[in-house]
N, C-alpha and C. Protein backbone atom coordinates (compact mmCIF):
# COMPACT_ATOMS: atom_id res chain seq x y z
N UNK A 1 -5.81 17.44 -5.25
CA UNK A 1 -4.74 17.61 -4.32
C UNK A 1 -3.54 16.80 -4.82
N UNK A 2 -2.41 17.53 -5.27
CA UNK A 2 -1.36 17.02 -5.64
C UNK A 2 -0.12 17.35 -4.44
N UNK A 3 0.39 16.19 -3.95
CA UNK A 3 1.21 16.42 -2.65
C UNK A 3 2.76 16.21 -3.21
N UNK A 4 3.55 16.89 -2.79
CA UNK A 4 4.94 16.81 -3.20
C UNK A 4 5.80 16.28 -2.10
N UNK A 5 6.84 15.83 -2.47
CA UNK A 5 7.81 15.46 -1.41
C UNK A 5 8.04 16.46 -0.37
N UNK A 6 8.14 16.05 0.84
CA UNK A 6 8.40 17.00 2.13
C UNK A 6 7.08 17.72 2.41
N UNK A 7 5.90 17.28 1.91
CA UNK A 7 4.59 17.77 2.46
C UNK A 7 4.32 17.07 3.67
N UNK A 8 3.22 17.50 4.33
CA UNK A 8 2.92 16.95 5.53
C UNK A 8 2.34 15.64 5.24
N UNK A 9 2.14 14.72 6.43
CA UNK A 9 1.60 13.34 6.33
C UNK A 9 0.10 13.73 6.40
N UNK A 10 -0.64 12.69 5.63
CA UNK A 10 -2.07 12.58 5.73
C UNK A 10 -2.24 11.40 6.69
N UNK A 11 -3.11 11.96 7.49
CA UNK A 11 -3.27 10.89 8.64
C UNK A 11 -4.86 10.47 8.75
N UNK A 12 -5.09 9.17 8.70
CA UNK A 12 -6.41 8.49 8.44
C UNK A 12 -6.43 7.54 9.78
N UNK A 13 -7.63 7.07 9.78
CA UNK A 13 -8.01 6.21 11.00
C UNK A 13 -6.99 5.00 11.26
N UNK A 14 -6.69 4.13 10.00
CA UNK A 14 -5.93 3.15 10.16
C UNK A 14 -4.48 3.34 9.53
N UNK A 15 -4.21 4.38 8.75
CA UNK A 15 -2.97 4.55 8.19
C UNK A 15 -2.64 5.88 8.06
N UNK A 16 -1.28 6.05 7.62
CA UNK A 16 -0.77 7.47 7.24
C UNK A 16 -0.11 7.51 5.82
N UNK A 17 -0.33 8.49 5.21
CA UNK A 17 0.32 8.40 3.72
C UNK A 17 1.21 9.68 3.64
N UNK A 18 2.42 9.28 3.08
CA UNK A 18 3.38 10.56 2.75
C UNK A 18 3.91 10.09 1.33
N UNK A 19 4.66 11.04 0.84
CA UNK A 19 5.41 10.92 -0.35
C UNK A 19 6.90 10.88 0.01
N UNK A 20 7.60 9.74 -0.23
CA UNK A 20 8.88 9.51 0.18
C UNK A 20 9.92 10.50 -0.43
N UNK A 21 11.26 10.46 -0.06
CA UNK A 21 12.23 11.18 -0.66
C UNK A 21 12.33 10.64 -2.16
N UNK A 22 12.08 9.32 -2.22
CA UNK A 22 12.41 8.92 -3.74
C UNK A 22 11.03 8.89 -4.48
N UNK A 23 10.06 9.59 -3.90
CA UNK A 23 9.01 9.87 -4.79
C UNK A 23 7.68 8.79 -4.87
N UNK A 24 7.96 7.89 -3.94
CA UNK A 24 6.83 6.76 -3.74
C UNK A 24 5.73 7.20 -3.07
N UNK A 25 4.57 6.86 -3.10
CA UNK A 25 3.43 7.04 -2.22
C UNK A 25 3.47 5.87 -1.14
N UNK A 26 3.71 6.39 0.09
CA UNK A 26 3.97 5.41 1.18
C UNK A 26 2.78 5.54 2.17
N UNK A 27 2.02 4.20 2.23
CA UNK A 27 0.80 3.86 3.03
C UNK A 27 1.57 3.29 4.20
N UNK A 28 1.42 3.60 5.59
CA UNK A 28 1.98 2.79 6.60
C UNK A 28 0.79 2.60 7.53
N UNK A 29 0.35 1.56 7.50
CA UNK A 29 -0.91 0.99 8.50
C UNK A 29 -0.40 1.12 9.84
N UNK A 30 -1.11 1.54 10.68
CA UNK A 30 -1.24 1.79 12.16
C UNK A 30 -1.07 0.26 12.78
N UNK A 31 -0.38 0.16 13.82
CA UNK A 31 -0.30 -1.18 14.56
C UNK A 31 -1.67 -1.34 15.16
N UNK A 32 -1.96 -2.70 15.25
CA UNK A 32 -3.22 -3.13 16.03
C UNK A 32 -4.24 -2.73 15.38
N UNK A 33 -4.50 -2.68 14.05
CA UNK A 33 -5.50 -2.08 13.48
C UNK A 33 -6.35 -3.08 12.59
N UNK A 34 -7.67 -3.14 12.52
CA UNK A 34 -8.43 -3.90 11.47
C UNK A 34 -8.88 -3.10 10.33
N UNK A 35 -8.33 -3.24 9.13
CA UNK A 35 -8.55 -2.35 8.05
C UNK A 35 -9.95 -2.84 7.54
N UNK A 36 -10.97 -2.13 7.24
CA UNK A 36 -12.31 -2.34 6.80
C UNK A 36 -12.16 -1.96 5.28
N UNK A 37 -13.14 -2.51 4.35
CA UNK A 37 -13.30 -1.94 3.04
C UNK A 37 -13.37 -0.33 2.98
N UNK A 38 -14.04 0.15 3.79
CA UNK A 38 -14.01 1.57 3.77
C UNK A 38 -12.81 2.21 3.79
N UNK A 39 -11.81 1.75 4.69
CA UNK A 39 -10.53 2.15 4.74
C UNK A 39 -9.41 2.02 3.43
N UNK A 40 -9.70 0.76 2.82
CA UNK A 40 -9.31 0.55 1.64
C UNK A 40 -9.75 1.39 0.44
N UNK A 41 -11.04 1.67 0.42
CA UNK A 41 -11.32 2.63 -0.48
C UNK A 41 -11.12 3.89 -0.45
N UNK A 42 -10.79 4.42 1.13
CA UNK A 42 -10.35 5.82 1.60
C UNK A 42 -8.73 5.79 0.99
N UNK A 43 -8.08 4.56 1.00
CA UNK A 43 -6.72 4.62 0.69
C UNK A 43 -6.58 5.10 -1.11
N UNK A 44 -7.55 4.23 -1.73
CA UNK A 44 -7.36 4.34 -3.10
C UNK A 44 -7.76 5.69 -3.45
N UNK A 45 -8.77 6.39 -2.95
CA UNK A 45 -9.29 7.75 -3.10
C UNK A 45 -7.83 8.80 -2.96
N UNK A 46 -7.27 8.52 -1.89
CA UNK A 46 -6.10 9.46 -1.61
C UNK A 46 -5.09 9.31 -2.67
N UNK A 47 -4.66 7.81 -2.94
CA UNK A 47 -3.70 7.76 -3.93
C UNK A 47 -4.12 8.47 -5.25
N UNK A 48 -5.35 8.35 -5.72
CA UNK A 48 -5.76 8.94 -6.84
C UNK A 48 -5.66 10.55 -6.73
N UNK A 49 -5.97 11.06 -5.78
CA UNK A 49 -5.79 12.48 -5.44
C UNK A 49 -4.47 13.07 -5.50
N UNK A 50 -3.39 12.04 -4.96
CA UNK A 50 -1.99 12.36 -4.79
C UNK A 50 -1.44 12.12 -6.33
N UNK A 51 -1.93 11.41 -6.99
CA UNK A 51 -1.29 11.06 -8.22
C UNK A 51 -2.08 11.62 -9.65
N UNK A 52 -2.76 12.71 -9.44
CA UNK A 52 -3.48 13.30 -10.62
C UNK A 52 -2.77 13.44 -11.82
N UNK A 53 -1.45 13.79 -11.82
CA UNK A 53 -0.50 14.14 -12.77
C UNK A 53 0.27 13.08 -13.38
N UNK A 54 0.82 11.95 -12.54
CA UNK A 54 1.46 10.72 -12.92
C UNK A 54 1.46 9.62 -12.04
N UNK A 55 1.46 8.39 -12.71
CA UNK A 55 1.67 7.27 -11.87
C UNK A 55 2.66 7.33 -11.04
N UNK A 56 2.57 6.76 -9.79
CA UNK A 56 3.74 6.30 -9.00
C UNK A 56 4.17 5.18 -8.29
N UNK A 57 5.10 4.75 -7.93
CA UNK A 57 5.34 3.69 -7.29
C UNK A 57 4.77 3.65 -5.63
N UNK A 58 4.38 2.44 -5.21
CA UNK A 58 3.73 2.61 -4.06
C UNK A 58 4.54 1.58 -2.92
N UNK A 59 4.63 2.12 -1.96
CA UNK A 59 5.18 1.34 -0.60
C UNK A 59 4.17 1.12 0.30
N UNK A 60 3.63 -0.01 0.63
CA UNK A 60 2.61 -0.27 1.64
C UNK A 60 3.22 -1.18 2.71
N UNK A 61 3.19 -0.57 3.73
CA UNK A 61 3.87 -1.02 5.00
C UNK A 61 2.77 -1.46 6.15
N UNK A 62 2.79 -2.79 6.36
CA UNK A 62 1.80 -3.28 7.49
C UNK A 62 2.62 -3.28 8.76
N UNK A 63 2.14 -2.78 9.86
CA UNK A 63 2.62 -2.80 11.23
C UNK A 63 2.29 -4.36 11.76
N UNK A 64 2.99 -4.76 12.66
CA UNK A 64 2.53 -5.81 13.20
C UNK A 64 1.04 -6.03 13.87
N UNK A 65 0.28 -7.01 13.65
CA UNK A 65 -0.99 -7.16 14.29
C UNK A 65 -2.08 -6.26 13.53
N UNK A 66 -1.62 -5.85 12.39
CA UNK A 66 -2.61 -5.23 11.50
C UNK A 66 -3.11 -6.18 10.42
N UNK A 67 -4.50 -6.27 10.30
CA UNK A 67 -5.12 -7.06 9.43
C UNK A 67 -6.22 -6.34 8.58
N UNK A 68 -6.60 -7.16 7.51
CA UNK A 68 -7.50 -6.37 6.51
C UNK A 68 -8.75 -7.35 6.34
N UNK A 69 -9.93 -6.69 6.23
CA UNK A 69 -11.21 -7.61 6.33
C UNK A 69 -11.14 -8.39 5.00
N UNK A 70 -11.98 -9.44 4.67
CA UNK A 70 -12.12 -10.01 3.52
C UNK A 70 -12.63 -9.30 2.48
N UNK A 71 -13.71 -8.17 2.59
CA UNK A 71 -13.96 -7.33 1.67
C UNK A 71 -12.97 -6.39 1.27
N UNK A 72 -12.11 -5.97 2.09
CA UNK A 72 -11.11 -5.02 1.89
C UNK A 72 -10.02 -5.72 1.10
N UNK A 73 -9.70 -7.03 1.25
CA UNK A 73 -8.69 -7.69 0.63
C UNK A 73 -9.20 -7.98 -0.73
N UNK A 74 -10.42 -8.45 -0.80
CA UNK A 74 -10.81 -8.80 -2.29
C UNK A 74 -10.79 -7.83 -3.27
N UNK A 75 -11.30 -6.48 -2.56
CA UNK A 75 -11.35 -5.26 -3.34
C UNK A 75 -9.90 -4.73 -3.90
N UNK A 76 -8.97 -4.96 -2.93
CA UNK A 76 -7.33 -4.53 -3.19
C UNK A 76 -6.90 -5.57 -4.38
N UNK A 77 -7.21 -6.81 -4.17
CA UNK A 77 -6.82 -7.77 -5.12
C UNK A 77 -7.24 -7.77 -6.63
N UNK A 78 -8.65 -7.15 -6.67
CA UNK A 78 -9.09 -7.07 -7.91
C UNK A 78 -9.23 -5.61 -8.52
N UNK A 79 -8.97 -4.66 -7.71
CA UNK A 79 -9.23 -3.21 -8.43
C UNK A 79 -7.84 -2.84 -8.65
N UNK A 80 -7.53 -2.33 -9.75
CA UNK A 80 -6.25 -2.01 -10.20
C UNK A 80 -5.81 -0.59 -9.77
N UNK A 81 -4.98 -0.55 -9.01
CA UNK A 81 -4.40 0.87 -8.50
C UNK A 81 -3.53 1.26 -9.45
N UNK A 82 -3.80 2.42 -10.22
CA UNK A 82 -2.99 2.90 -11.19
C UNK A 82 -1.73 3.28 -10.98
N UNK A 83 -0.75 2.32 -10.87
CA UNK A 83 0.44 2.66 -10.22
C UNK A 83 1.64 1.98 -11.18
N UNK A 84 2.98 2.31 -10.78
CA UNK A 84 4.05 1.78 -11.67
C UNK A 84 4.31 0.30 -11.07
N UNK A 85 4.25 0.24 -9.71
CA UNK A 85 4.57 -1.10 -9.04
C UNK A 85 4.25 -0.78 -7.37
N UNK A 86 3.97 -1.94 -6.80
CA UNK A 86 3.47 -1.99 -5.43
C UNK A 86 4.64 -2.71 -4.72
N UNK A 87 5.29 -2.42 -3.59
CA UNK A 87 6.07 -3.16 -2.61
C UNK A 87 5.26 -3.24 -1.46
N UNK A 88 4.94 -4.42 -1.00
CA UNK A 88 4.25 -4.68 0.29
C UNK A 88 5.13 -5.24 1.42
N UNK A 89 5.19 -4.44 2.53
CA UNK A 89 5.96 -5.07 3.82
C UNK A 89 5.10 -5.91 4.74
N UNK A 90 5.24 -6.91 4.94
CA UNK A 90 4.60 -7.76 5.84
C UNK A 90 5.45 -8.43 6.86
N UNK A 91 4.92 -8.33 8.12
CA UNK A 91 5.77 -8.98 9.31
C UNK A 91 5.26 -10.16 10.05
N UNK A 92 4.02 -10.69 9.77
CA UNK A 92 3.69 -11.88 10.74
C UNK A 92 3.10 -12.97 9.77
N UNK A 93 3.07 -14.03 10.44
CA UNK A 93 2.63 -15.36 9.65
C UNK A 93 1.23 -14.97 9.04
N UNK A 94 0.11 -14.56 9.95
CA UNK A 94 -1.10 -14.33 9.30
C UNK A 94 -1.04 -13.26 7.99
N UNK A 95 -0.23 -12.22 8.14
CA UNK A 95 -0.07 -11.55 7.04
C UNK A 95 0.63 -12.09 5.68
N UNK A 96 1.42 -13.08 6.05
CA UNK A 96 2.07 -13.82 4.86
C UNK A 96 1.15 -14.70 4.29
N UNK A 97 0.01 -15.34 5.05
CA UNK A 97 -1.04 -16.30 4.56
C UNK A 97 -2.00 -15.32 3.56
N UNK A 98 -2.21 -14.09 4.29
CA UNK A 98 -3.17 -13.22 3.60
C UNK A 98 -2.57 -12.79 2.28
N UNK A 99 -1.22 -12.57 2.14
CA UNK A 99 -0.61 -12.21 1.07
C UNK A 99 -0.56 -13.32 0.02
N UNK A 100 -0.53 -14.71 0.41
CA UNK A 100 -0.70 -15.74 -0.56
C UNK A 100 -1.98 -15.50 -1.30
N UNK A 101 -3.13 -15.54 -0.49
CA UNK A 101 -4.41 -15.31 -0.97
C UNK A 101 -4.42 -14.16 -2.09
N UNK A 102 -3.74 -12.99 -1.63
CA UNK A 102 -3.89 -11.78 -2.45
C UNK A 102 -3.28 -12.18 -3.82
N UNK A 103 -2.06 -12.88 -3.73
CA UNK A 103 -1.19 -13.24 -5.07
C UNK A 103 -2.24 -13.90 -6.03
N UNK A 104 -2.96 -14.99 -5.37
CA UNK A 104 -3.69 -15.88 -6.22
C UNK A 104 -4.83 -15.24 -6.76
N UNK A 105 -5.54 -14.04 -6.39
CA UNK A 105 -6.59 -13.53 -6.91
C UNK A 105 -6.15 -12.09 -7.55
N UNK A 106 -4.73 -11.67 -7.33
CA UNK A 106 -4.38 -10.53 -7.85
C UNK A 106 -4.68 -10.41 -9.29
N UNK A 107 -5.27 -9.20 -9.82
CA UNK A 107 -5.68 -8.90 -11.14
C UNK A 107 -4.87 -7.60 -11.55
N UNK A 108 -3.78 -7.21 -10.92
CA UNK A 108 -3.04 -5.97 -11.04
C UNK A 108 -2.46 -6.02 -12.50
N UNK A 109 -2.18 -4.70 -13.01
CA UNK A 109 -1.54 -4.69 -14.32
C UNK A 109 0.03 -3.99 -14.07
N UNK A 110 0.51 -4.56 -12.88
CA UNK A 110 1.83 -3.91 -12.73
C UNK A 110 2.44 -4.81 -11.63
N UNK A 111 3.68 -4.88 -11.48
CA UNK A 111 4.44 -5.68 -10.52
C UNK A 111 4.06 -5.65 -9.02
N UNK A 112 3.76 -6.62 -8.29
CA UNK A 112 3.48 -6.42 -6.82
C UNK A 112 4.36 -7.53 -6.13
N UNK A 113 5.13 -7.16 -5.45
CA UNK A 113 6.08 -7.99 -4.54
C UNK A 113 5.99 -7.61 -3.02
N UNK A 114 6.24 -8.68 -2.51
CA UNK A 114 6.12 -8.74 -0.84
C UNK A 114 7.39 -8.89 -0.23
N UNK A 115 7.74 -8.16 0.91
CA UNK A 115 8.99 -8.01 1.50
C UNK A 115 8.84 -8.24 3.07
N UNK A 116 9.91 -8.56 3.72
CA UNK A 116 9.97 -8.69 5.35
C UNK A 116 10.57 -7.43 5.77
N UNK A 117 11.07 -6.63 4.96
CA UNK A 117 11.83 -5.41 5.31
C UNK A 117 11.40 -4.25 4.47
N UNK A 118 11.36 -3.19 5.17
CA UNK A 118 11.18 -1.84 4.35
C UNK A 118 12.30 -1.47 3.45
N UNK A 119 13.53 -1.79 3.99
CA UNK A 119 14.73 -1.51 3.03
C UNK A 119 14.60 -2.32 1.76
N UNK A 120 14.31 -3.59 1.75
CA UNK A 120 14.17 -4.46 0.58
C UNK A 120 13.40 -4.06 -0.17
N UNK A 121 12.12 -3.64 0.23
CA UNK A 121 11.15 -3.09 -0.68
C UNK A 121 11.52 -1.91 -1.26
N UNK A 122 11.93 -0.79 -0.55
CA UNK A 122 12.51 0.31 -1.22
C UNK A 122 13.58 0.07 -2.26
N UNK A 123 14.65 -0.74 -1.91
CA UNK A 123 15.61 -1.12 -3.14
C UNK A 123 14.92 -1.68 -4.39
N UNK A 124 13.77 -2.66 -4.05
CA UNK A 124 13.21 -3.15 -5.16
C UNK A 124 12.50 -2.02 -6.01
N UNK A 125 11.66 -1.23 -5.48
CA UNK A 125 10.96 -0.01 -6.14
C UNK A 125 12.08 0.92 -6.81
N UNK A 126 13.21 1.03 -6.28
CA UNK A 126 14.27 1.77 -6.88
C UNK A 126 14.54 1.28 -8.34
N UNK A 127 14.56 0.03 -8.38
CA UNK A 127 15.01 -0.73 -9.51
C UNK A 127 14.01 -1.11 -10.50
N UNK A 128 12.70 -0.68 -10.22
CA UNK A 128 11.70 -0.89 -11.16
C UNK A 128 11.64 0.21 -12.31
């Protein structure tokens, strides 16, 4: 499945996925969710299906009070998402602490940056 800008939202249990006007793959995690390894694996599979033709920039937006299991976090940090860059929007202190861990064990082959606002993240992705 190759999804183009303007197509419908892909809705999953813990997140929604769209292609933004800028061509970024946007994962928006729903509020008050605990993201399990199976959710992370599903997000990787969706990304692969959306980007069969080319790599894309990725915008990951966590809502308040959304957290990721240890297994999901470890998989995300050590499995390379074949993308140009990842901008991750975090909102809370626990998410910042998790981001520090993720940064320490991150083995990505592309830039990953954290932001407190979606606009900052989008601007950074535009300039990559």
